[in-house]
Amino acid sequence: MSPDAKVVVLKQTEERVAEFHRYAARLKAKGRIVAPGDMLIVYRVDKTIPDGPVLVTENTEFVFAN
């Protein structure tokens, strides 16, 4: 079983990203296991805390990096 994600850092893969995409990425991730390299809408999972595959919960913080 994967640990709960404390932080998920997402990097955009497209030059222009609408605010809606942030909402959609959060919604898609919740309740799923994500790992660095996974894609969420127009974002790539860059890092997770703790490292490796983690379960995204309601308490997970999302950091959107450029």
N, C-alpha and C. Protein backbone atom coordinates (compact mmCIF):
# COMPACT_ATOMS: atom_id res chain seq x y z
N MET A 1 0.85 -1.19 0.00
CA MET A 1 0.00 0.00 0.00
C MET A 1 0.89 1.25 0.00
N SER A 2 0.52 2.22 -0.78
CA SER A 2 1.29 3.46 -0.90
C SER A 2 0.97 4.40 0.26
N PRO A 3 1.98 5.16 0.73
CA PRO A 3 1.71 6.14 1.79
C PRO A 3 0.89 7.31 1.27
N ASP A 4 0.23 8.02 2.17
CA ASP A 4 -0.53 9.22 1.78
C ASP A 4 0.42 10.33 1.36
N ALA A 5 0.05 11.04 0.30
CA ALA A 5 0.86 12.15 -0.20
C ALA A 5 0.69 13.36 0.70
N LYS A 6 1.80 13.96 1.10
CA LYS A 6 1.75 15.22 1.82
C LYS A 6 1.79 16.36 0.81
N VAL A 7 2.70 16.24 -0.19
CA VAL A 7 2.85 17.26 -1.22
C VAL A 7 3.05 16.58 -2.57
N VAL A 8 2.40 17.13 -3.60
CA VAL A 8 2.62 16.70 -4.98
C VAL A 8 3.00 17.95 -5.77
N VAL A 9 4.19 17.92 -6.40
CA VAL A 9 4.66 19.04 -7.20
C VAL A 9 4.37 18.72 -8.67
N LEU A 10 3.64 19.63 -9.32
CA LEU A 10 3.27 19.44 -10.73
C LEU A 10 3.95 20.50 -11.59
N LYS A 11 4.48 20.09 -12.73
CA LYS A 11 5.06 21.02 -13.70
C LYS A 11 4.22 20.99 -14.96
N GLN A 12 3.94 22.16 -15.50
CA GLN A 12 3.12 22.22 -16.71
C GLN A 12 3.92 21.75 -17.92
N THR A 13 3.24 21.06 -18.82
CA THR A 13 3.88 20.53 -20.02
C THR A 13 3.56 21.37 -21.25
N GLU A 14 2.64 22.31 -21.10
CA GLU A 14 2.29 23.21 -22.19
C GLU A 14 2.60 24.64 -21.77
N GLU A 15 2.88 25.49 -22.75
CA GLU A 15 3.27 26.86 -22.45
C GLU A 15 2.17 27.65 -21.75
N ARG A 16 0.96 27.55 -22.28
CA ARG A 16 -0.15 28.30 -21.69
C ARG A 16 -1.14 27.33 -21.08
N VAL A 17 -1.40 27.53 -19.79
CA VAL A 17 -2.30 26.66 -19.06
C VAL A 17 -3.33 27.52 -18.35
N ALA A 18 -4.60 27.16 -18.49
CA ALA A 18 -5.68 27.91 -17.85
C ALA A 18 -5.83 27.48 -16.39
N GLU A 19 -6.37 28.37 -15.58
CA GLU A 19 -6.60 28.07 -14.16
C GLU A 19 -7.47 26.82 -14.00
N PHE A 20 -8.39 26.62 -14.93
CA PHE A 20 -9.26 25.44 -14.89
C PHE A 20 -8.44 24.15 -14.88
N HIS A 21 -7.30 24.13 -15.57
CA HIS A 21 -6.48 22.91 -15.63
C HIS A 21 -5.94 22.54 -14.25
N ARG A 22 -5.67 23.53 -13.40
CA ARG A 22 -5.21 23.23 -12.04
C ARG A 22 -6.31 22.51 -11.27
N TYR A 23 -7.52 23.02 -11.37
CA TYR A 23 -8.66 22.40 -10.71
C TYR A 23 -8.86 20.97 -11.23
N ALA A 24 -8.80 20.80 -12.55
CA ALA A 24 -9.01 19.49 -13.16
C ALA A 24 -7.92 18.49 -12.73
N ALA A 25 -6.68 18.96 -12.64
CA ALA A 25 -5.58 18.08 -12.22
C ALA A 25 -5.77 17.62 -10.78
N ARG A 26 -6.16 18.54 -9.91
CA ARG A 26 -6.43 18.16 -8.51
C ARG A 26 -7.55 17.14 -8.43
N LEU A 27 -8.62 17.41 -9.16
CA LEU A 27 -9.78 16.52 -9.16
C LEU A 27 -9.41 15.13 -9.67
N LYS A 28 -8.63 15.07 -10.74
CA LYS A 28 -8.23 13.79 -11.31
C LYS A 28 -7.33 13.01 -10.36
N ALA A 29 -6.48 13.70 -9.61
CA ALA A 29 -5.51 13.03 -8.74
C ALA A 29 -6.12 12.48 -7.46
N LYS A 30 -7.12 13.16 -6.92
CA LYS A 30 -7.67 12.76 -5.62
C LYS A 30 -8.19 11.33 -5.64
N GLY A 31 -7.72 10.56 -4.65
CA GLY A 31 -8.13 9.16 -4.53
C GLY A 31 -7.30 8.21 -5.37
N ARG A 32 -6.31 8.73 -6.09
CA ARG A 32 -5.46 7.90 -6.95
C ARG A 32 -4.04 7.85 -6.41
N ILE A 33 -3.32 6.86 -6.88
CA ILE A 33 -1.89 6.75 -6.58
C ILE A 33 -1.15 7.41 -7.74
N VAL A 34 -0.27 8.36 -7.41
CA VAL A 34 0.54 9.03 -8.43
C VAL A 34 2.02 8.88 -8.07
N ALA A 35 2.86 9.00 -9.08
CA ALA A 35 4.30 8.90 -8.91
C ALA A 35 4.98 9.88 -9.85
N PRO A 36 6.22 10.27 -9.55
CA PRO A 36 6.94 11.16 -10.47
C PRO A 36 6.94 10.60 -11.89
N GLY A 37 6.64 11.50 -12.85
CA GLY A 37 6.56 11.11 -14.25
C GLY A 37 5.14 10.91 -14.75
N ASP A 38 4.19 10.70 -13.84
CA ASP A 38 2.79 10.53 -14.24
C ASP A 38 2.25 11.85 -14.81
N MET A 39 1.28 11.75 -15.71
CA MET A 39 0.64 12.92 -16.30
C MET A 39 -0.75 13.12 -15.69
N LEU A 40 -1.06 14.38 -15.39
CA LEU A 40 -2.39 14.78 -14.93
C LEU A 40 -2.81 15.97 -15.77
N ILE A 41 -3.68 15.73 -16.73
CA ILE A 41 -4.17 16.75 -17.66
C ILE A 41 -2.97 17.33 -18.42
N VAL A 42 -2.55 18.57 -18.13
CA VAL A 42 -1.40 19.18 -18.82
C VAL A 42 -0.22 19.34 -17.87
N TYR A 43 -0.22 18.57 -16.80
CA TYR A 43 0.87 18.63 -15.82
C TYR A 43 1.55 17.27 -15.69
N ARG A 44 2.85 17.31 -15.42
CA ARG A 44 3.63 16.10 -15.12
C ARG A 44 3.96 16.14 -13.64
N VAL A 45 3.78 15.00 -12.96
CA VAL A 45 4.17 14.92 -11.55
C VAL A 45 5.69 14.98 -11.51
N ASP A 46 6.21 16.05 -10.90
CA ASP A 46 7.65 16.26 -10.84
C ASP A 46 8.25 15.64 -9.58
N LYS A 47 7.52 15.75 -8.47
CA LYS A 47 8.03 15.25 -7.20
C LYS A 47 6.87 14.95 -6.27
N THR A 48 7.07 13.99 -5.39
CA THR A 48 6.08 13.71 -4.36
C THR A 48 6.78 13.66 -3.00
N ILE A 49 6.05 14.02 -1.97
CA ILE A 49 6.55 13.89 -0.60
C ILE A 49 5.51 13.10 0.16
N PRO A 50 5.88 11.91 0.65
CA PRO A 50 7.17 11.25 0.54
C PRO A 50 7.48 10.84 -0.90
N ASP A 51 8.75 10.52 -1.16
CA ASP A 51 9.19 10.13 -2.51
C ASP A 51 8.50 8.85 -2.97
N GLY A 52 8.29 8.76 -4.28
CA GLY A 52 7.75 7.54 -4.88
C GLY A 52 6.24 7.59 -5.01
N PRO A 53 5.63 6.45 -5.32
CA PRO A 53 4.18 6.39 -5.48
C PRO A 53 3.47 6.74 -4.17
N VAL A 54 2.49 7.62 -4.25
CA VAL A 54 1.74 8.06 -3.07
C VAL A 54 0.26 8.15 -3.40
N LEU A 55 -0.56 8.01 -2.37
CA LEU A 55 -2.01 8.14 -2.50
C LEU A 55 -2.40 9.59 -2.24
N VAL A 56 -3.06 10.21 -3.20
CA VAL A 56 -3.50 11.59 -3.06
C VAL A 56 -4.81 11.61 -2.26
N THR A 57 -4.82 12.41 -1.19
CA THR A 57 -5.99 12.50 -0.32
C THR A 57 -6.50 13.94 -0.30
N GLU A 58 -7.56 14.17 0.47
CA GLU A 58 -8.09 15.52 0.65
C GLU A 58 -7.07 16.44 1.30
N ASN A 59 -6.13 15.89 2.04
CA ASN A 59 -5.15 16.69 2.77
C ASN A 59 -3.87 16.96 1.98
N THR A 60 -3.77 16.40 0.77
CA THR A 60 -2.57 16.59 -0.04
C THR A 60 -2.47 18.03 -0.53
N GLU A 61 -1.27 18.60 -0.39
CA GLU A 61 -1.01 19.95 -0.90
C GLU A 61 -0.45 19.82 -2.33
N PHE A 62 -0.96 20.64 -3.22
CA PHE A 62 -0.46 20.68 -4.59
C PHE A 62 0.39 21.93 -4.80
N VAL A 63 1.57 21.75 -5.40
CA VAL A 63 2.44 22.86 -5.74
C VAL A 63 2.56 22.87 -7.24
N PHE A 64 2.21 23.99 -7.87
CA PHE A 64 2.28 24.12 -9.33
C PHE A 64 3.53 24.91 -9.68
N ALA A 65 4.51 24.23 -10.26
CA ALA A 65 5.79 24.86 -10.64
C ALA A 65 5.81 25.07 -12.14
N ASN A 66 6.55 26.07 -12.58
CA ASN A 66 6.68 26.34 -14.03
C ASN A 66 7.93 25.73 -14.59
